[in-house]
Amino acid sequence: MWSTDITYVRLAHGFAYLVAIIDWYARRVLAWRLSNTLEAGFCVDCLEEALRAHGRPEIFNTDQGSQFTSATFTGVLLREEIAISMDGRGRALDNMFVERLWRSVKYEDIYLKGYASLPELLLGLTDYFAFYNHERPHQSLGYLTPEAVYRSGVGGGANIVDRFGETTLGQRQTAAIDVASTT
């Protein structure tokens, strides 16, 4: 399962927007893009890059942002026969792995370096995501790197504890079941 989201980065004169696609099992950043607008194109480019480099997931999770509900973005997922899972409105924790990535990238890189321009941010994030995937150990991965878990297929996963005792199927489960039953 892959997930994506957008966050903003304050620059000296305006904002930049960062989209990333992450593999839930390994927490590996599969692709990312920067833009100075919130149009869907940079999200679609990021998705196409991830698909070219890493194949296709069974399920793709997003929030309900206009970039991810656009015909262009969903069209790529449908063309590739990937089940689409969208978070409930106002439920940021449905996409907790990308939200945790944003916390890491901002506190470990962006806020410390205070990038002034888009080209400077691009260079800095290129270095950071290489570090994040290949060198930075993750507690949730048994102190392995995302790259090590992604390549070996051992040591990752999503151990999500249900603290609310819900017995009904969630949106992601329902979407996966709906796609499986139609194939």
C-alpha atoms as a PDB file:
ATOM      1  CA  MET A   1       0.000   0.000   0.000  1.00  0.00           C
ATOM      2  CA  TRP A   2       1.221   3.446  -0.921  1.00  0.00           C
ATOM      3  CA  SER A   3       0.142   6.780   0.453  1.00  0.00           C
ATOM      4  CA  THR A   4       0.573  10.411  -0.532  1.00  0.00           C
ATOM      5  CA  ASP A   5      -0.036  13.907   0.761  1.00  0.00           C
ATOM      6  CA  ILE A   6       1.012  17.513   0.214  1.00  0.00           C
ATOM      7  CA  THR A   7       2.595  19.903   2.685  1.00  0.00           C
ATOM      8  CA  TYR A   8       3.730  23.466   2.340  1.00  0.00           C
ATOM      9  CA  VAL A   9       7.186  24.916   2.947  1.00  0.00           C
ATOM     10  CA  ARG A  10       7.635  28.590   3.756  1.00  0.00           C
ATOM     11  CA  LEU A  11      10.359  30.259   1.711  1.00  0.00           C
ATOM     12  CA  ALA A  12      11.775  33.783   1.964  1.00  0.00           C
ATOM     13  CA  HIS A  13       9.263  35.062  -0.611  1.00  0.00           C
ATOM     14  CA  GLY A  14       6.252  32.772  -0.645  1.00  0.00           C
ATOM     15  CA  PHE A  15       5.619  29.069  -0.352  1.00  0.00           C
ATOM     16  CA  ALA A  16       6.567  25.844  -2.054  1.00  0.00           C
ATOM     17  CA  TYR A  17       4.411  22.722  -2.042  1.00  0.00           C
ATOM     18  CA  LEU A  18       5.884  19.271  -1.498  1.00  0.00           C
ATOM     19  CA  VAL A  19       4.191  16.012  -2.445  1.00  0.00           C
ATOM     20  CA  ALA A  20       5.633  12.618  -1.555  1.00  0.00           C
ATOM     21  CA  ILE A  21       4.588   9.015  -2.090  1.00  0.00           C
ATOM     22  CA  ILE A  22       5.515   6.599   0.667  1.00  0.00           C
ATOM     23  CA  ASP A  23       5.403   2.806   0.901  1.00  0.00           C
ATOM     24  CA  TRP A  24       3.514   1.882   4.086  1.00  0.00           C
ATOM     25  CA  TYR A  25       5.410  -1.330   4.757  1.00  0.00           C
ATOM     26  CA  ALA A  26       8.943   0.091   4.544  1.00  0.00           C
ATOM     27  CA  ARG A  27       8.181   3.807   5.144  1.00  0.00           C
ATOM     28  CA  ARG A  28      10.337   4.443   2.068  1.00  0.00           C
ATOM     29  CA  VAL A  29       9.810   7.637   0.088  1.00  0.00           C
ATOM     30  CA  LEU A  30       9.251   6.311  -3.431  1.00  0.00           C
ATOM     31  CA  ALA A  31       8.978   9.674  -5.204  1.00  0.00           C
ATOM     32  CA  TRP A  32       8.548  13.353  -4.393  1.00  0.00           C
ATOM     33  CA  ARG A  33       8.051  16.643  -6.216  1.00  0.00           C
ATOM     34  CA  LEU A  34       8.067  20.356  -5.470  1.00  0.00           C
ATOM     35  CA  SER A  35       5.845  23.008  -7.010  1.00  0.00           C
ATOM     36  CA  ASN A  36       5.092  26.688  -6.567  1.00  0.00           C
ATOM     37  CA  THR A  37       1.382  26.036  -7.265  1.00  0.00           C
ATOM     38  CA  LEU A  38      -1.178  23.580  -5.938  1.00  0.00           C
ATOM     39  CA  GLU A  39      -2.257  22.339  -9.365  1.00  0.00           C
ATOM     40  CA  ALA A  40      -2.597  18.572  -9.757  1.00  0.00           C
ATOM     41  CA  GLY A  41       0.168  18.233 -12.372  1.00  0.00           C
ATOM     42  CA  PHE A  42       3.082  17.885  -9.975  1.00  0.00           C
ATOM     43  CA  CYS A  43       1.179  15.196  -8.033  1.00  0.00           C
ATOM     44  CA  VAL A  44       0.495  13.252 -11.234  1.00  0.00           C
ATOM     45  CA  ASP A  45       4.178  13.545 -12.237  1.00  0.00           C
ATOM     46  CA  CYS A  46       5.179  12.203  -8.810  1.00  0.00           C
ATOM     47  CA  LEU A  47       2.748   9.286  -9.143  1.00  0.00           C
ATOM     48  CA  GLU A  48       3.970   8.429 -12.650  1.00  0.00           C
ATOM     49  CA  GLU A  49       7.597   8.453 -11.434  1.00  0.00           C
ATOM     50  CA  ALA A  50       6.778   6.120  -8.516  1.00  0.00           C
ATOM     51  CA  LEU A  51       4.944   3.721 -10.840  1.00  0.00           C
ATOM     52  CA  ARG A  52       7.830   3.692 -13.358  1.00  0.00           C
ATOM     53  CA  ALA A  53      10.458   3.089 -10.679  1.00  0.00           C
ATOM     54  CA  HIS A  54       8.604   0.763  -8.301  1.00  0.00           C
ATOM     55  CA  GLY A  55       5.755  -0.965 -10.135  1.00  0.00           C
ATOM     56  CA  ARG A  56       2.213  -0.684  -8.856  1.00  0.00           C
ATOM     57  CA  PRO A  57       0.725  -1.129  -5.388  1.00  0.00           C
ATOM     58  CA  GLU A  58      -2.550  -2.923  -4.767  1.00  0.00           C
ATOM     59  CA  ILE A  59      -3.975   0.065  -2.875  1.00  0.00           C
ATOM     60  CA  PHE A  60      -3.197   3.784  -3.039  1.00  0.00           C
ATOM     61  CA  ASN A  61      -4.279   6.014  -0.135  1.00  0.00           C
ATOM     62  CA  THR A  62      -4.768   9.794  -0.255  1.00  0.00           C
ATOM     63  CA  ASP A  63      -6.761  12.462   1.472  1.00  0.00           C
ATOM     64  CA  GLN A  64      -9.674  14.097  -0.344  1.00  0.00           C
ATOM     65  CA  GLY A  65      -7.673  17.054  -1.655  1.00  0.00           C
ATOM     66  CA  SER A  66      -8.585  18.374  -5.080  1.00  0.00           C
ATOM     67  CA  GLN A  67      -5.256  17.239  -6.559  1.00  0.00           C
ATOM     68  CA  PHE A  68      -5.946  13.627  -5.575  1.00  0.00           C
ATOM     69  CA  THR A  69      -9.627  13.598  -6.540  1.00  0.00           C
ATOM     70  CA  SER A  70      -8.933  15.150  -9.946  1.00  0.00           C
ATOM     71  CA  ALA A  71      -9.799  13.111 -13.029  1.00  0.00           C
ATOM     72  CA  THR A  72      -6.151  13.213 -14.095  1.00  0.00           C
ATOM     73  CA  PHE A  73      -4.807  11.730 -10.854  1.00  0.00           C
ATOM     74  CA  THR A  74      -7.538   9.135 -10.338  1.00  0.00           C
ATOM     75  CA  GLY A  75      -7.332   8.297 -14.046  1.00  0.00           C
ATOM     76  CA  VAL A  76      -3.737   7.122 -13.618  1.00  0.00           C
ATOM     77  CA  LEU A  77      -4.755   4.909 -10.688  1.00  0.00           C
ATOM     78  CA  LEU A  78      -7.714   3.468 -12.599  1.00  0.00           C
ATOM     79  CA  ARG A  79      -5.595   2.875 -15.711  1.00  0.00           C
ATOM     80  CA  GLU A  80      -3.141   0.886 -13.572  1.00  0.00           C
ATOM     81  CA  GLU A  81      -6.019  -0.980 -11.841  1.00  0.00           C
ATOM     82  CA  ILE A  82      -4.989   0.252  -8.387  1.00  0.00           C
ATOM     83  CA  ALA A  83      -7.648   0.346  -5.655  1.00  0.00           C
ATOM     84  CA  ILE A  84      -8.233   3.927  -4.532  1.00  0.00           C
ATOM     85  CA  SER A  85      -8.551   4.577  -0.802  1.00  0.00           C
ATOM     86  CA  MET A  86      -9.432   8.053   0.449  1.00  0.00           C
ATOM     87  CA  ASP A  87      -9.264   9.224   4.041  1.00  0.00           C
ATOM     88  CA  GLY A  88     -12.391  10.313   5.821  1.00  0.00           C
ATOM     89  CA  ARG A  89     -12.899  14.062   5.886  1.00  0.00           C
ATOM     90  CA  GLY A  90     -10.883  15.616   8.733  1.00  0.00           C
ATOM     91  CA  ARG A  91      -9.094  12.369   9.610  1.00  0.00           C
ATOM     92  CA  ALA A  92      -5.398  13.193   9.301  1.00  0.00           C
ATOM     93  CA  LEU A  93      -4.439  10.043  11.210  1.00  0.00           C
ATOM     94  CA  ASP A  94      -5.773   7.905   8.355  1.00  0.00           C
ATOM     95  CA  ASN A  95      -2.601   8.987   6.567  1.00  0.00           C
ATOM     96  CA  MET A  96      -0.329   8.835   9.609  1.00  0.00           C
ATOM     97  CA  PHE A  97       2.794   7.580   7.846  1.00  0.00           C
ATOM     98  CA  VAL A  98       2.950  10.560   5.490  1.00  0.00           C
ATOM     99  CA  GLU A  99       2.055  12.934   8.344  1.00  0.00           C
ATOM    100  CA  ARG A 100       4.977  11.484  10.312  1.00  0.00           C
ATOM    101  CA  LEU A 101       7.215  11.956   7.275  1.00  0.00           C
ATOM    102  CA  TRP A 102       6.241  15.646   7.173  1.00  0.00           C
ATOM    103  CA  ARG A 103       7.177  16.025  10.833  1.00  0.00           C
ATOM    104  CA  SER A 104      10.557  14.382  10.227  1.00  0.00           C
ATOM    105  CA  VAL A 105      11.449  16.351   7.099  1.00  0.00           C
ATOM    106  CA  LYS A 106      10.416  19.659   8.630  1.00  0.00           C
ATOM    107  CA  TYR A 107      12.080  19.257  12.034  1.00  0.00           C
ATOM    108  CA  GLU A 108      15.192  17.408  10.811  1.00  0.00           C
ATOM    109  CA  ASP A 109      15.826  19.523   7.705  1.00  0.00           C
ATOM    110  CA  ILE A 110      13.572  22.382   6.622  1.00  0.00           C
ATOM    111  CA  TYR A 111      13.290  24.294   9.910  1.00  0.00           C
ATOM    112  CA  LEU A 112      16.993  23.850  10.644  1.00  0.00           C
ATOM    113  CA  LYS A 113      18.148  25.091   7.253  1.00  0.00           C
ATOM    114  CA  GLY A 114      15.567  27.783   6.520  1.00  0.00           C
ATOM    115  CA  TYR A 115      15.620  27.476   2.739  1.00  0.00           C
ATOM    116  CA  ALA A 116      15.136  30.800   0.964  1.00  0.00           C
ATOM    117  CA  SER A 117      14.391  29.702  -2.612  1.00  0.00           C
ATOM    118  CA  LEU A 118      12.867  26.827  -4.554  1.00  0.00           C
ATOM    119  CA  PRO A 119      16.206  25.752  -6.143  1.00  0.00           C
ATOM    120  CA  GLU A 120      17.854  25.744  -2.697  1.00  0.00           C
ATOM    121  CA  LEU A 121      14.960  23.691  -1.282  1.00  0.00           C
ATOM    122  CA  LEU A 122      15.184  21.235  -4.198  1.00  0.00           C
ATOM    123  CA  LEU A 123      18.879  20.586  -3.549  1.00  0.00           C
ATOM    124  CA  GLY A 124      18.381  20.290   0.198  1.00  0.00           C
ATOM    125  CA  LEU A 125      15.452  17.868  -0.062  1.00  0.00           C
ATOM    126  CA  THR A 126      17.324  15.739  -2.588  1.00  0.00           C
ATOM    127  CA  ASP A 127      20.006  15.207   0.057  1.00  0.00           C
ATOM    128  CA  TYR A 128      17.483  14.757   2.879  1.00  0.00           C
ATOM    129  CA  PHE A 129      15.374  12.111   1.153  1.00  0.00           C
ATOM    130  CA  ALA A 130      18.518  10.142   0.226  1.00  0.00           C
ATOM    131  CA  PHE A 131      19.506  10.304   3.905  1.00  0.00           C
ATOM    132  CA  TYR A 132      15.965   9.419   5.043  1.00  0.00           C
ATOM    133  CA  ASN A 133      15.723   6.328   2.834  1.00  0.00           C
ATOM    134  CA  HIS A 134      19.305   5.017   3.019  1.00  0.00           C
ATOM    135  CA  GLU A 135      20.859   6.149   6.307  1.00  0.00           C
ATOM    136  CA  ARG A 136      18.254   7.180   8.875  1.00  0.00           C
ATOM    137  CA  PRO A 137      17.191   4.258  11.083  1.00  0.00           C
ATOM    138  CA  HIS A 138      13.525   4.109  12.072  1.00  0.00           C
ATOM    139  CA  GLN A 139      12.412   2.909  15.479  1.00  0.00           C
ATOM    140  CA  SER A 140       9.217   1.450  13.984  1.00  0.00           C
ATOM    141  CA  LEU A 141      11.357  -0.625  11.595  1.00  0.00           C
ATOM    142  CA  GLY A 142      13.520  -2.128  14.343  1.00  0.00           C
ATOM    143  CA  TYR A 143      16.155   0.549  13.715  1.00  0.00           C
ATOM    144  CA  LEU A 144      16.581  -0.484  10.079  1.00  0.00           C
ATOM    145  CA  THR A 145      16.454   2.025   7.242  1.00  0.00           C
ATOM    146  CA  PRO A 146      13.461   2.214   4.898  1.00  0.00           C
ATOM    147  CA  GLU A 147      15.707   1.125   2.030  1.00  0.00           C
ATOM    148  CA  ALA A 148      16.876  -1.996   3.890  1.00  0.00           C
ATOM    149  CA  VAL A 149      13.292  -3.002   4.693  1.00  0.00           C
ATOM    150  CA  TYR A 150      12.061  -2.182   1.176  1.00  0.00           C
ATOM    151  CA  ARG A 151      14.783  -4.284  -0.478  1.00  0.00           C
ATOM    152  CA  SER A 152      14.579  -7.250   1.924  1.00  0.00           C
ATOM    153  CA  GLY A 153      10.826  -7.235   2.523  1.00  0.00           C
ATOM    154  CA  VAL A 154      11.547  -8.002   6.172  1.00  0.00           C
ATOM    155  CA  GLY A 155      11.065  -5.828   9.231  1.00  0.00           C
ATOM    156  CA  GLY A 156       8.336  -3.428   8.198  1.00  0.00           C
ATOM    157  CA  GLY A 157       4.603  -3.355   8.275  1.00  0.00           C
ATOM    158  CA  ALA A 158       1.860  -1.322   9.799  1.00  0.00           C
ATOM    159  CA  ASN A 159       1.037  -2.357  13.333  1.00  0.00           C
ATOM    160  CA  ILE A 160      -1.953  -0.116  13.954  1.00  0.00           C
ATOM    161  CA  VAL A 161      -3.714  -0.665  17.252  1.00  0.00           C
ATOM    162  CA  ASP A 162      -7.485  -0.155  17.224  1.00  0.00           C
ATOM    163  CA  ARG A 163      -8.076   1.865  20.390  1.00  0.00           C
ATOM    164  CA  PHE A 164     -11.756   2.432  19.656  1.00  0.00           C
ATOM    165  CA  GLY A 165     -12.930  -1.170  19.441  1.00  0.00           C
ATOM    166  CA  GLU A 166     -14.614  -0.679  16.077  1.00  0.00           C
ATOM    167  CA  THR A 167     -15.831  -3.885  14.516  1.00  0.00           C
ATOM    168  CA  THR A 168     -17.049  -2.446  11.221  1.00  0.00           C
ATOM    169  CA  LEU A 169     -14.861  -2.272   8.162  1.00  0.00           C
ATOM    170  CA  GLY A 170     -13.003   0.973   7.576  1.00  0.00           C
ATOM    171  CA  GLN A 171     -12.941   2.880   4.297  1.00  0.00           C
ATOM    172  CA  ARG A 172      -9.612   1.377   3.188  1.00  0.00           C
ATOM    173  CA  GLN A 173     -10.777  -2.161   3.952  1.00  0.00           C
ATOM    174  CA  THR A 174     -14.049  -1.593   2.131  1.00  0.00           C
ATOM    175  CA  ALA A 175     -12.290  -0.179  -0.953  1.00  0.00           C
ATOM    176  CA  ALA A 176      -9.905  -3.131  -1.066  1.00  0.00           C
ATOM    177  CA  ILE A 177     -12.769  -5.609  -0.746  1.00  0.00           C
ATOM    178  CA  ASP A 178     -14.818  -3.830  -3.432  1.00  0.00           C
ATOM    179  CA  VAL A 179     -11.916  -3.983  -5.906  1.00  0.00           C
ATOM    180  CA  ALA A 180     -11.146  -7.617  -5.076  1.00  0.00           C
ATOM    181  CA  SER A 181     -14.758  -8.677  -5.578  1.00  0.00           C
ATOM    182  CA  THR A 182     -14.963  -7.084  -9.030  1.00  0.00           C
ATOM    183  CA  THR A 183     -11.853  -8.829 -10.383  1.00  0.00           C
END
